[in-house]
C-alpha atoms as a PDB file:
ATOM      1  CA  THR A   1      -5.929  -4.836   2.573  1.00  0.00           C
ATOM      2  CA  SER A   2      -4.795  -5.994   5.973  1.00  0.00           C
ATOM      3  CA  TYR A   3      -1.911  -4.845   7.853  1.00  0.00           C
ATOM      4  CA  ALA A   4      -0.303  -8.121   7.711  1.00  0.00           C
ATOM      5  CA  GLU A   5      -0.859  -7.958   3.687  1.00  0.00           C
ATOM      6  CA  ASN A   6       0.906  -4.582   3.693  1.00  0.00           C
ATOM      7  CA  VAL A   7       3.789  -5.817   5.875  1.00  0.00           C
ATOM      8  CA  VAL A   8       4.553  -8.761   3.595  1.00  0.00           C
ATOM      9  CA  ALA A   9       4.057  -7.006   0.401  1.00  0.00           C
ATOM     10  CA  LEU A  10       6.564  -4.256   1.414  1.00  0.00           C
ATOM     11  CA  ALA A  11       9.068  -6.787   2.345  1.00  0.00           C
ATOM     12  CA  ARG A  12       8.893  -8.363  -0.726  1.00  0.00           C
ATOM     13  CA  ALA A  13       9.277  -4.928  -2.591  1.00  0.00           C
ATOM     14  CA  ARG A  14      12.268  -4.101  -0.316  1.00  0.00           C
ATOM     15  CA  GLU A  15      13.886  -7.411  -1.383  1.00  0.00           C
ATOM     16  CA  ARG A  16      13.607  -6.308  -4.962  1.00  0.00           C
ATOM     17  CA  GLY A  17      14.878  -2.849  -4.251  1.00  0.00           C
ATOM     18  CA  ALA A  18      11.707  -0.937  -4.327  1.00  0.00           C
ATOM     19  CA  SER A  19      10.490   1.266  -1.422  1.00  0.00           C
ATOM     20  CA  GLU A  20       6.697   0.676  -2.057  1.00  0.00           C
ATOM     21  CA  ALA A  21       4.178  -1.998  -3.266  1.00  0.00           C
ATOM     22  CA  LEU A  22       1.044  -1.346  -5.029  1.00  0.00           C
ATOM     23  CA  PHE A  23      -2.314  -3.315  -4.497  1.00  0.00           C
ATOM     24  CA  PRO A  24      -5.385  -3.950  -6.308  1.00  0.00           C
ATOM     25  CA  ASN A  25      -8.689  -3.913  -4.659  1.00  0.00           C
ATOM     26  CA  THR A  26     -11.069  -6.918  -4.552  1.00  0.00           C
ATOM     27  CA  ALA A  27     -12.348  -5.915  -8.217  1.00  0.00           C
ATOM     28  CA  ASP A  28      -8.630  -5.903  -9.469  1.00  0.00           C
ATOM     29  CA  ARG A  29      -8.671  -2.434 -10.100  1.00  0.00           C
ATOM     30  CA  LEU A  30      -5.648  -0.053  -8.726  1.00  0.00           C
ATOM     31  CA  CYS A  31      -6.124   0.901  -5.099  1.00  0.00           C
ATOM     32  CA  GLU A  32      -3.201   1.977  -3.110  1.00  0.00           C
ATOM     33  CA  GLY A  33       0.294   1.341  -1.651  1.00  0.00           C
ATOM     34  CA  THR A  34       1.105  -0.244   1.343  1.00  0.00           C
ATOM     35  CA  GLY A  35       1.505   3.282   2.921  1.00  0.00           C
ATOM     36  CA  SER A  36       0.681   5.403   0.192  1.00  0.00           C
ATOM     37  CA  ASN A  37      -1.754   6.601  -2.333  1.00  0.00           C
ATOM     38  CA  VAL A  38      -1.024   6.444  -6.103  1.00  0.00           C
ATOM     39  CA  PHE A  39      -1.433   8.952  -8.938  1.00  0.00           C
ATOM     40  CA  VAL A  40      -1.114   7.878 -12.585  1.00  0.00           C
ATOM     41  CA  VAL A  41      -0.312  10.362 -15.523  1.00  0.00           C
ATOM     42  CA  LEU A  42      -1.972   9.542 -18.702  1.00  0.00           C
ATOM     43  CA  GLY A  43      -1.741  12.287 -21.647  1.00  0.00           C
ATOM     44  CA  GLY A  44      -0.734  14.884 -19.331  1.00  0.00           C
ATOM     45  CA  ARG A  45      -3.578  14.388 -17.017  1.00  0.00           C
ATOM     46  CA  ILE A  46      -3.548  13.217 -13.456  1.00  0.00           C
ATOM     47  CA  HIS A  47      -5.635  10.293 -12.250  1.00  0.00           C
ATOM     48  CA  THR A  48      -5.919   8.877  -8.794  1.00  0.00           C
ATOM     49  CA  PRO A  49      -8.157   5.669  -7.744  1.00  0.00           C
ATOM     50  CA  PRO A  50     -11.460   7.155  -5.928  1.00  0.00           C
ATOM     51  CA  VAL A  51     -11.978   6.745  -2.523  1.00  0.00           C
ATOM     52  CA  ALA A  52     -14.748   4.372  -3.194  1.00  0.00           C
ATOM     53  CA  SER A  53     -11.767   1.870  -4.512  1.00  0.00           C
ATOM     54  CA  GLY A  54     -10.963   1.168  -1.007  1.00  0.00           C
ATOM     55  CA  CYS A  55      -8.036   3.289  -0.760  1.00  0.00           C
ATOM     56  CA  LEU A  56      -6.970   5.243   2.307  1.00  0.00           C
ATOM     57  CA  ALA A  57      -8.751   8.462   2.313  1.00  0.00           C
ATOM     58  CA  GLY A  58      -5.564  10.537   3.165  1.00  0.00           C
ATOM     59  CA  ILE A  59      -5.143  14.030   3.907  1.00  0.00           C
ATOM     60  CA  THR A  60      -1.982  14.368   1.661  1.00  0.00           C
ATOM     61  CA  ARG A  61      -4.190  12.509  -1.161  1.00  0.00           C
ATOM     62  CA  ALA A  62      -6.919  14.885  -0.642  1.00  0.00           C
ATOM     63  CA  LEU A  63      -4.707  17.818  -0.791  1.00  0.00           C
ATOM     64  CA  ALA A  64      -2.902  16.571  -3.818  1.00  0.00           C
ATOM     65  CA  VAL A  65      -6.215  16.106  -5.636  1.00  0.00           C
ATOM     66  CA  GLU A  66      -7.327  19.532  -4.857  1.00  0.00           C
ATOM     67  CA  TRP A  67      -4.039  21.364  -5.715  1.00  0.00           C
ATOM     68  CA  THR A  68      -3.058  19.494  -8.958  1.00  0.00           C
ATOM     69  CA  GLY A  69      -6.774  19.014 -10.338  1.00  0.00           C
ATOM     70  CA  ALA A  70      -6.326  15.267 -10.284  1.00  0.00           C
ATOM     71  CA  GLU A  71      -9.309  13.203 -11.493  1.00  0.00           C
ATOM     72  CA  GLU A  72     -10.588  10.546  -9.222  1.00  0.00           C
ATOM     73  CA  THR A  73     -10.849   7.681 -11.862  1.00  0.00           C
ATOM     74  CA  ASP A  74     -11.658   4.044 -11.542  1.00  0.00           C
ATOM     75  CA  LEU A  75      -8.449   2.460 -13.114  1.00  0.00           C
ATOM     76  CA  PRO A  76      -7.474  -0.956 -14.053  1.00  0.00           C
ATOM     77  CA  MET A  77      -4.125  -2.520 -12.641  1.00  0.00           C
ATOM     78  CA  ASP A  78      -2.549  -2.664 -16.057  1.00  0.00           C
ATOM     79  CA  VAL A  79      -2.769   1.228 -16.405  1.00  0.00           C
ATOM     80  CA  LEU A  80       0.274   1.114 -14.586  1.00  0.00           C
ATOM     81  CA  ALA A  81       2.038  -0.552 -17.893  1.00  0.00           C
ATOM     82  CA  GLU A  82       0.630   2.457 -19.905  1.00  0.00           C
ATOM     83  CA  ALA A  83       1.173   5.335 -17.691  1.00  0.00           C
ATOM     84  CA  ASP A  84       3.568   8.228 -18.703  1.00  0.00           C
ATOM     85  CA  GLU A  85       4.494   8.965 -15.265  1.00  0.00           C
ATOM     86  CA  VAL A  86       3.484   7.667 -11.640  1.00  0.00           C
ATOM     87  CA  PHE A  87       3.609   9.427  -8.268  1.00  0.00           C
ATOM     88  CA  LEU A  88       2.801   8.646  -4.738  1.00  0.00           C
ATOM     89  CA  THR A  89       1.487  10.688  -2.002  1.00  0.00           C
ATOM     90  CA  SER A  90       1.471  10.105   1.947  1.00  0.00           C
ATOM     91  CA  THR A  91       2.452  12.173   5.117  1.00  0.00           C
ATOM     92  CA  LEU A  92       5.918  11.000   4.955  1.00  0.00           C
ATOM     93  CA  ARG A  93       6.524  11.165   1.252  1.00  0.00           C
ATOM     94  CA  ASP A  94       4.472  14.059   0.361  1.00  0.00           C
ATOM     95  CA  VAL A  95       4.754  13.631  -3.523  1.00  0.00           C
ATOM     96  CA  GLN A  96       7.274  11.246  -4.448  1.00  0.00           C
ATOM     97  CA  ALA A  97       8.023  10.340  -8.072  1.00  0.00           C
ATOM     98  CA  VAL A  98       8.099   6.357  -9.212  1.00  0.00           C
ATOM     99  CA  HIS A  99      10.943   5.633 -11.302  1.00  0.00           C
ATOM    100  CA  ARG A 100      10.529   1.896 -11.786  1.00  0.00           C
ATOM    101  CA  LEU A 101       7.445  -0.394 -11.791  1.00  0.00           C
ATOM    102  CA  ASP A 102       8.244  -3.987 -11.398  1.00  0.00           C
ATOM    103  CA  ASP A 103      10.585  -4.418 -14.331  1.00  0.00           C
ATOM    104  CA  ARG A 104       9.430  -1.320 -16.260  1.00  0.00           C
ATOM    105  CA  GLU A 105      11.881   1.439 -16.037  1.00  0.00           C
ATOM    106  CA  LEU A 106       9.794   5.021 -16.036  1.00  0.00           C
ATOM    107  CA  THR A 107      11.886   8.154 -16.889  1.00  0.00           C
ATOM    108  CA  PRO A 108      15.145   8.395 -14.668  1.00  0.00           C
ATOM    109  CA  GLU A 109      14.192  12.176 -14.341  1.00  0.00           C
ATOM    110  CA  ILE A 110      11.276  13.270 -12.575  1.00  0.00           C
ATOM    111  CA  GLY A 111       8.574  13.525 -15.384  1.00  0.00           C
ATOM    112  CA  PRO A 112       7.101  17.112 -15.809  1.00  0.00           C
ATOM    113  CA  VAL A 113       3.545  16.553 -14.570  1.00  0.00           C
ATOM    114  CA  THR A 114       4.943  14.922 -11.421  1.00  0.00           C
ATOM    115  CA  ALA A 115       7.657  17.791 -11.092  1.00  0.00           C
ATOM    116  CA  LYS A 116       4.961  20.425 -11.116  1.00  0.00           C
ATOM    117  CA  ALA A 117       2.861  18.272  -8.660  1.00  0.00           C
ATOM    118  CA  MET A 118       5.736  18.374  -6.322  1.00  0.00           C
ATOM    119  CA  ARG A 119       6.492  21.954  -6.524  1.00  0.00           C
ATOM    120  CA  ILE A 120       2.784  22.978  -6.222  1.00  0.00           C
ATOM    121  CA  PHE A 121       2.505  20.506  -3.091  1.00  0.00           C
ATOM    122  CA  ALA A 122       5.575  22.053  -1.851  1.00  0.00           C
ATOM    123  CA  GLU A 123       4.534  25.848  -2.129  1.00  0.00           C
ATOM    124  CA  ARG A 124       1.112  25.056  -0.814  1.00  0.00           C
ATOM    125  CA  SER A 125       1.973  23.058   2.084  1.00  0.00           C
ATOM    126  CA  GLY A 126       4.217  25.689   3.230  1.00  0.00           C
ATOM    127  CA  ASP A 127       1.480  28.370   2.962  1.00  0.00           C
ATOM    128  CA  ASP A 128      -0.341  26.975   5.975  1.00  0.00           C
ATOM    129  CA  LEU A 129       1.341  25.010   8.642  1.00  0.00           C
ATOM    130  CA  ASP A 130      -1.538  25.081  11.063  1.00  0.00           C
ATOM    131  CA  PRO A 131      -2.944  21.452  10.953  1.00  0.00           C
END
């Protein structure tokens, strides 16, 4: 996606009360957010699109994959309708739970897998502050 597409998508998301918008890649597979990487929990396992999907190969994403054991999986966009939990990662967000996807409410509470990912990330990132 281009930067202009990101700006427009984020503006539209904010008009609807959201803080992020998620994009498919050119093959209509789950890719990334306007400024974040996306992780999906299915059956207790964490999945994220592979870098080959076109998503940004962010440092925070790489650490989350390593520290949580997330699987890089080619995912259809409609996986978001089935996901037990969804979370985002970025330098500014670290690990952030998603509570709503379009009109679908996820849990009002942070899901257990996302909560564990948040806890692991907070603990591990605090261990070594050397960039």
